[in-house]
């Protein structure tokens, strides 16, 4: 299992680190905690992205 740092996830998604932390804190993005370190599984990130893909004609949903 490949574990990514918050900065790596932010870079891949081209969003801020603060937004990644917010997604983790709200449970929208699953995390692995090792002590104080927060890591995101690459597989979990891919699965989350698949759920976020909006199909043509669908309403935008809030990431649940």
PDB file of N, CA and C in Angstrom:
ATOM      1  N   UNK A   1       0.856  -1.171   0.000  1.00  0.00           N
ATOM      2  CA  UNK A   1       0.000   0.000   0.000  1.00  0.00           C
ATOM      3  C   UNK A   1       0.903   1.235   0.000  1.00  0.00           C
ATOM      4  N   UNK A   2       0.682   2.084  -0.973  1.00  0.00           N
ATOM      5  CA  UNK A   2       1.435   3.341  -1.055  1.00  0.00           C
ATOM      6  C   UNK A   2       0.713   4.405  -0.236  1.00  0.00           C
ATOM      7  N   UNK A   3       1.434   5.028   0.690  1.00  0.00           N
ATOM      8  CA  UNK A   3       0.871   6.097   1.511  1.00  0.00           C
ATOM      9  C   UNK A   3       1.441   7.435   1.073  1.00  0.00           C
ATOM     10  N   UNK A   4       0.559   8.391   0.869  1.00  0.00           N
ATOM     11  CA  UNK A   4       0.953   9.711   0.387  1.00  0.00           C
ATOM     12  C   UNK A   4       0.868  10.741   1.508  1.00  0.00           C
ATOM     13  N   UNK A   5       1.762  11.713   1.474  1.00  0.00           N
ATOM     14  CA  UNK A   5       1.702  12.833   2.401  1.00  0.00           C
ATOM     15  C   UNK A   5       0.638  13.811   1.910  1.00  0.00           C
ATOM     16  N   UNK A   6       0.161  14.654   2.816  1.00  0.00           N
ATOM     17  CA  UNK A   6      -0.859  15.642   2.471  1.00  0.00           C
ATOM     18  C   UNK A   6      -0.379  16.528   1.325  1.00  0.00           C
ATOM     19  N   UNK A   7       0.857  16.949   1.371  1.00  0.00           N
ATOM     20  CA  UNK A   7       1.406  17.787   0.310  1.00  0.00           C
ATOM     21  C   UNK A   7       1.408  17.092  -1.045  1.00  0.00           C
ATOM     22  N   UNK A   8       1.687  15.795  -1.040  1.00  0.00           N
ATOM     23  CA  UNK A   8       1.682  15.027  -2.289  1.00  0.00           C
ATOM     24  C   UNK A   8       0.274  14.931  -2.866  1.00  0.00           C
ATOM     25  N   UNK A   9      -0.702  14.741  -1.985  1.00  0.00           N
ATOM     26  CA  UNK A   9      -2.101  14.683  -2.435  1.00  0.00           C
ATOM     27  C   UNK A   9      -2.519  16.039  -2.987  1.00  0.00           C
ATOM     28  N   UNK A  10      -2.168  17.101  -2.277  1.00  0.00           N
ATOM     29  CA  UNK A  10      -2.506  18.456  -2.731  1.00  0.00           C
ATOM     30  C   UNK A  10      -1.899  18.729  -4.105  1.00  0.00           C
ATOM     31  N   UNK A  11      -0.671  18.313  -4.282  1.00  0.00           N
ATOM     32  CA  UNK A  11       0.011  18.524  -5.556  1.00  0.00           C
ATOM     33  C   UNK A  11      -0.668  17.734  -6.675  1.00  0.00           C
ATOM     34  N   UNK A  12      -1.011  16.476  -6.402  1.00  0.00           N
ATOM     35  CA  UNK A  12      -1.669  15.654  -7.419  1.00  0.00           C
ATOM     36  C   UNK A  12      -3.023  16.212  -7.820  1.00  0.00           C
ATOM     37  N   UNK A  13      -3.763  16.730  -6.832  1.00  0.00           N
ATOM     38  CA  UNK A  13      -5.102  17.251  -7.106  1.00  0.00           C
ATOM     39  C   UNK A  13      -5.100  18.723  -7.502  1.00  0.00           C
ATOM     40  N   UNK A  14      -3.931  19.375  -7.339  1.00  0.00           N
ATOM     41  CA  UNK A  14      -3.788  20.811  -7.620  1.00  0.00           C
ATOM     42  C   UNK A  14      -4.754  21.641  -6.774  1.00  0.00           C
ATOM     43  N   UNK A  15      -4.754  21.283  -5.477  1.00  0.00           N
ATOM     44  CA  UNK A  15      -5.537  22.022  -4.487  1.00  0.00           C
ATOM     45  C   UNK A  15      -4.610  22.352  -3.323  1.00  0.00           C
ATOM     46  N   UNK A  16      -5.091  23.153  -2.388  1.00  0.00           N
ATOM     47  CA  UNK A  16      -4.250  23.542  -1.254  1.00  0.00           C
ATOM     48  C   UNK A  16      -4.149  22.406  -0.236  1.00  0.00           C
ATOM     49  N   UNK A  17      -3.081  22.451   0.535  1.00  0.00           N
ATOM     50  CA  UNK A  17      -2.922  21.493   1.635  1.00  0.00           C
ATOM     51  C   UNK A  17      -4.047  21.665   2.640  1.00  0.00           C
ATOM     52  N   UNK A  18      -4.471  22.914   2.859  1.00  0.00           N
ATOM     53  CA  UNK A  18      -5.557  23.185   3.807  1.00  0.00           C
ATOM     54  C   UNK A  18      -6.837  22.466   3.385  1.00  0.00           C
ATOM     55  N   UNK A  19      -7.113  22.460   2.093  1.00  0.00           N
ATOM     56  CA  UNK A  19      -8.312  21.769   1.613  1.00  0.00           C
ATOM     57  C   UNK A  19      -8.185  20.260   1.797  1.00  0.00           C
ATOM     58  N   UNK A  20      -7.007  19.717   1.573  1.00  0.00           N
ATOM     59  CA  UNK A  20      -6.792  18.283   1.802  1.00  0.00           C
ATOM     60  C   UNK A  20      -7.036  17.962   3.274  1.00  0.00           C
ATOM     61  N   UNK A  21      -6.481  18.778   4.176  1.00  0.00           N
ATOM     62  CA  UNK A  21      -6.699  18.559   5.602  1.00  0.00           C
ATOM     63  C   UNK A  21      -8.187  18.644   5.947  1.00  0.00           C
ATOM     64  N   UNK A  22      -8.899  19.584   5.333  1.00  0.00           N
ATOM     65  CA  UNK A  22     -10.336  19.731   5.591  1.00  0.00           C
ATOM     66  C   UNK A  22     -11.098  18.494   5.116  1.00  0.00           C
ATOM     67  N   UNK A  23     -10.747  17.974   3.939  1.00  0.00           N
ATOM     68  CA  UNK A  23     -11.392  16.765   3.427  1.00  0.00           C
ATOM     69  C   UNK A  23     -11.137  15.569   4.357  1.00  0.00           C
ATOM     70  N   UNK A  24      -9.935  15.519   4.912  1.00  0.00           N
ATOM     71  CA  UNK A  24      -9.591  14.450   5.864  1.00  0.00           C
ATOM     72  C   UNK A  24     -10.362  14.625   7.172  1.00  0.00           C
ATOM     73  N   UNK A  25     -10.424  15.842   7.668  1.00  0.00           N
ATOM     74  CA  UNK A  25     -11.078  16.115   8.951  1.00  0.00           C
ATOM     75  C   UNK A  25     -12.573  15.838   8.909  1.00  0.00           C
ATOM     76  N   UNK A  26     -13.181  16.062   7.753  1.00  0.00           N
ATOM     77  CA  UNK A  26     -14.625  15.831   7.631  1.00  0.00           C
ATOM     78  C   UNK A  26     -14.952  14.393   7.255  1.00  0.00           C
ATOM     79  N   UNK A  27     -13.918  13.575   7.051  1.00  0.00           N
ATOM     80  CA  UNK A  27     -14.146  12.173   6.728  1.00  0.00           C
ATOM     81  C   UNK A  27     -14.438  11.915   5.263  1.00  0.00           C
ATOM     82  N   UNK A  28     -14.367  12.952   4.448  1.00  0.00           N
ATOM     83  CA  UNK A  28     -14.626  12.762   3.017  1.00  0.00           C
ATOM     84  C   UNK A  28     -13.493  12.003   2.342  1.00  0.00           C
ATOM     85  N   UNK A  29     -12.281  12.222   2.824  1.00  0.00           N
ATOM     86  CA  UNK A  29     -11.107  11.544   2.295  1.00  0.00           C
ATOM     87  C   UNK A  29     -10.536  10.672   3.409  1.00  0.00           C
ATOM     88  N   UNK A  30     -10.511   9.349   3.209  1.00  0.00           N
ATOM     89  CA  UNK A  30     -10.030   8.458   4.271  1.00  0.00           C
ATOM     90  C   UNK A  30      -8.530   8.641   4.526  1.00  0.00           C
ATOM     91  N   UNK A  31      -8.149   8.558   5.794  1.00  0.00           N
ATOM     92  CA  UNK A  31      -6.749   8.772   6.174  1.00  0.00           C
ATOM     93  C   UNK A  31      -6.219   7.624   7.012  1.00  0.00           C
ATOM     94  N   UNK A  32      -4.900   7.539   7.037  1.00  0.00           N
ATOM     95  CA  UNK A  32      -4.174   6.638   7.932  1.00  0.00           C
ATOM     96  C   UNK A  32      -3.385   7.551   8.850  1.00  0.00           C
ATOM     97  N   UNK A  33      -3.545   7.379  10.156  1.00  0.00           N
ATOM     98  CA  UNK A  33      -2.794   8.200  11.113  1.00  0.00           C
ATOM     99  C   UNK A  33      -1.701   7.338  11.741  1.00  0.00           C
ATOM    100  N   UNK A  34      -0.481   7.858  11.684  1.00  0.00           N
ATOM    101  CA  UNK A  34       0.671   7.203  12.295  1.00  0.00           C
ATOM    102  C   UNK A  34       1.252   8.228  13.245  1.00  0.00           C
ATOM    103  N   UNK A  35       0.898   8.101  14.516  1.00  0.00           N
ATOM    104  CA  UNK A  35       1.266   9.132  15.475  1.00  0.00           C
ATOM    105  C   UNK A  35       0.563  10.424  15.083  1.00  0.00           C
ATOM    106  N   UNK A  36       1.334  11.486  14.909  1.00  0.00           N
ATOM    107  CA  UNK A  36       0.765  12.764  14.480  1.00  0.00           C
ATOM    108  C   UNK A  36       0.720  12.895  12.957  1.00  0.00           C
ATOM    109  N   UNK A  37       1.343  11.962  12.268  1.00  0.00           N
ATOM    110  CA  UNK A  37       1.416  12.032  10.807  1.00  0.00           C
ATOM    111  C   UNK A  37       0.093  11.592  10.176  1.00  0.00           C
ATOM    112  N   UNK A  38      -0.313  12.322   9.158  1.00  0.00           N
ATOM    113  CA  UNK A  38      -1.520  11.989   8.400  1.00  0.00           C
ATOM    114  C   UNK A  38      -1.064  11.521   7.025  1.00  0.00           C
ATOM    115  N   UNK A  39      -1.524  10.355   6.624  1.00  0.00           N
ATOM    116  CA  UNK A  39      -1.198   9.810   5.313  1.00  0.00           C
ATOM    117  C   UNK A  39      -2.483   9.384   4.627  1.00  0.00           C
ATOM    118  N   UNK A  40      -2.469   9.424   3.310  1.00  0.00           N
ATOM    119  CA  UNK A  40      -3.618   9.012   2.513  1.00  0.00           C
ATOM    120  C   UNK A  40      -3.156   7.891   1.597  1.00  0.00           C
ATOM    121  N   UNK A  41      -3.891   6.801   1.625  1.00  0.00           N
ATOM    122  CA  UNK A  41      -3.570   5.671   0.762  1.00  0.00           C
ATOM    123  C   UNK A  41      -3.825   6.065  -0.691  1.00  0.00           C
ATOM    124  N   UNK A  42      -2.895   5.740  -1.577  1.00  0.00           N
ATOM    125  CA  UNK A  42      -3.057   6.048  -3.001  1.00  0.00           C
ATOM    126  C   UNK A  42      -4.306   5.369  -3.545  1.00  0.00           C
ATOM    127  N   UNK A  43      -4.585   4.154  -3.077  1.00  0.00           N
ATOM    128  CA  UNK A  43      -5.772   3.425  -3.528  1.00  0.00           C
ATOM    129  C   UNK A  43      -7.050   4.123  -3.059  1.00  0.00           C
ATOM    130  N   UNK A  44      -7.050   4.594  -1.810  1.00  0.00           N
ATOM    131  CA  UNK A  44      -8.218   5.308  -1.287  1.00  0.00           C
ATOM    132  C   UNK A  44      -8.429   6.616  -2.034  1.00  0.00           C
ATOM    133  N   UNK A  45      -7.337   7.290  -2.387  1.00  0.00           N
ATOM    134  CA  UNK A  45      -7.435   8.529  -3.141  1.00  0.00           C
ATOM    135  C   UNK A  45      -8.066   8.266  -4.507  1.00  0.00           C
ATOM    136  N   UNK A  46      -7.619   7.217  -5.183  1.00  0.00           N
ATOM    137  CA  UNK A  46      -8.173   6.874  -6.501  1.00  0.00           C
ATOM    138  C   UNK A  46      -9.660   6.544  -6.395  1.00  0.00           C
ATOM    139  N   UNK A  47     -10.037   5.781  -5.372  1.00  0.00           N
ATOM    140  CA  UNK A  47     -11.446   5.427  -5.178  1.00  0.00           C
ATOM    141  C   UNK A  47     -12.283   6.674  -4.903  1.00  0.00           C
ATOM    142  N   UNK A  48     -11.745   7.583  -4.091  1.00  0.00           N
ATOM    143  CA  UNK A  48     -12.449   8.831  -3.780  1.00  0.00           C
ATOM    144  C   UNK A  48     -12.637   9.660  -5.045  1.00  0.00           C
ATOM    145  N   UNK A  49     -11.594   9.734  -5.862  1.00  0.00           N
ATOM    146  CA  UNK A  49     -11.690  10.486  -7.109  1.00  0.00           C
ATOM    147  C   UNK A  49     -12.752   9.894  -8.036  1.00  0.00           C
ATOM    148  N   UNK A  50     -12.823   8.573  -8.099  1.00  0.00           N
ATOM    149  CA  UNK A  50     -13.845   7.911  -8.922  1.00  0.00           C
ATOM    150  C   UNK A  50     -15.243   8.316  -8.474  1.00  0.00           C
ATOM    151  N   UNK A  51     -15.447   8.406  -7.153  1.00  0.00           N
ATOM    152  CA  UNK A  51     -16.761   8.801  -6.631  1.00  0.00           C
ATOM    153  C   UNK A  51     -17.062  10.265  -6.917  1.00  0.00           C
ATOM    154  N   UNK A  52     -16.003  11.081  -7.061  1.00  0.00           N
ATOM    155  CA  UNK A  52     -16.190  12.504  -7.278  1.00  0.00           C
ATOM    156  C   UNK A  52     -16.453  12.857  -8.742  1.00  0.00           C
ATOM    157  N   UNK A  53     -16.183  11.927  -9.636  1.00  0.00           N
ATOM    158  CA  UNK A  53     -16.378  12.199 -11.061  1.00  0.00           C
ATOM    159  C   UNK A  53     -17.863  12.433 -11.320  1.00  0.00           C
ATOM    160  N   UNK A  54     -18.134  13.559 -11.935  1.00  0.00           N
ATOM    161  CA  UNK A  54     -19.518  13.932 -12.222  1.00  0.00           C
ATOM    162  C   UNK A  54     -19.877  13.425 -13.613  1.00  0.00           C
ATOM    163  N   UNK A  55     -20.963  12.684 -13.687  1.00  0.00           N
ATOM    164  CA  UNK A  55     -21.452  12.197 -14.965  1.00  0.00           C
ATOM    165  C   UNK A  55     -22.220  13.321 -15.658  1.00  0.00           C
ATOM    166  N   UNK A  56     -22.192  13.381 -16.982  1.00  0.00           N
ATOM    167  CA  UNK A  56     -22.932  14.415 -17.697  1.00  0.00           C
ATOM    168  C   UNK A  56     -24.405  14.414 -17.302  1.00  0.00           C
ATOM    169  N   UNK A  57     -24.932  15.593 -17.006  1.00  0.00           N
ATOM    170  CA  UNK A  57     -26.343  15.719 -16.659  1.00  0.00           C
ATOM    171  C   UNK A  57     -26.645  15.538 -15.189  1.00  0.00           C
ATOM    172  N   UNK A  58     -25.668  15.118 -14.384  1.00  0.00           N
ATOM    173  CA  UNK A  58     -25.892  14.945 -12.948  1.00  0.00           C
ATOM    174  C   UNK A  58     -25.695  16.273 -12.223  1.00  0.00           C
ATOM    175  N   UNK A  59     -26.398  16.425 -11.103  1.00  0.00           N
ATOM    176  CA  UNK A  59     -26.169  17.590 -10.260  1.00  0.00           C
ATOM    177  C   UNK A  59     -24.867  17.399  -9.496  1.00  0.00           C
ATOM    178  N   UNK A  60     -24.196  18.492  -9.199  1.00  0.00           N
ATOM    179  CA  UNK A  60     -22.999  18.436  -8.386  1.00  0.00           C
ATOM    180  C   UNK A  60     -23.408  18.162  -6.961  1.00  0.00           C
ATOM    181  N   UNK A  61     -22.768  17.143  -6.349  1.00  0.00           N
ATOM    182  CA  UNK A  61     -23.088  16.762  -4.974  1.00  0.00           C
ATOM    183  C   UNK A  61     -21.953  17.185  -4.066  1.00  0.00           C
ATOM    184  N   UNK A  62     -22.241  17.195  -2.776  1.00  0.00           N
ATOM    185  CA  UNK A  62     -21.276  17.677  -1.799  1.00  0.00           C
ATOM    186  C   UNK A  62     -20.248  16.695  -1.322  1.00  0.00           C
ATOM    187  N   UNK A  63     -19.762  15.743  -2.049  1.00  0.00           N
ATOM    188  CA  UNK A  63     -18.662  14.897  -1.628  1.00  0.00           C
ATOM    189  C   UNK A  63     -18.987  13.847  -0.594  1.00  0.00           C
ATOM    190  N   UNK A  64     -20.232  13.535  -0.383  1.00  0.00           N
ATOM    191  CA  UNK A  64     -20.606  12.485   0.588  1.00  0.00           C
ATOM    192  C   UNK A  64     -20.319  11.122   0.056  1.00  0.00           C
TER     193      UNK A  64
END
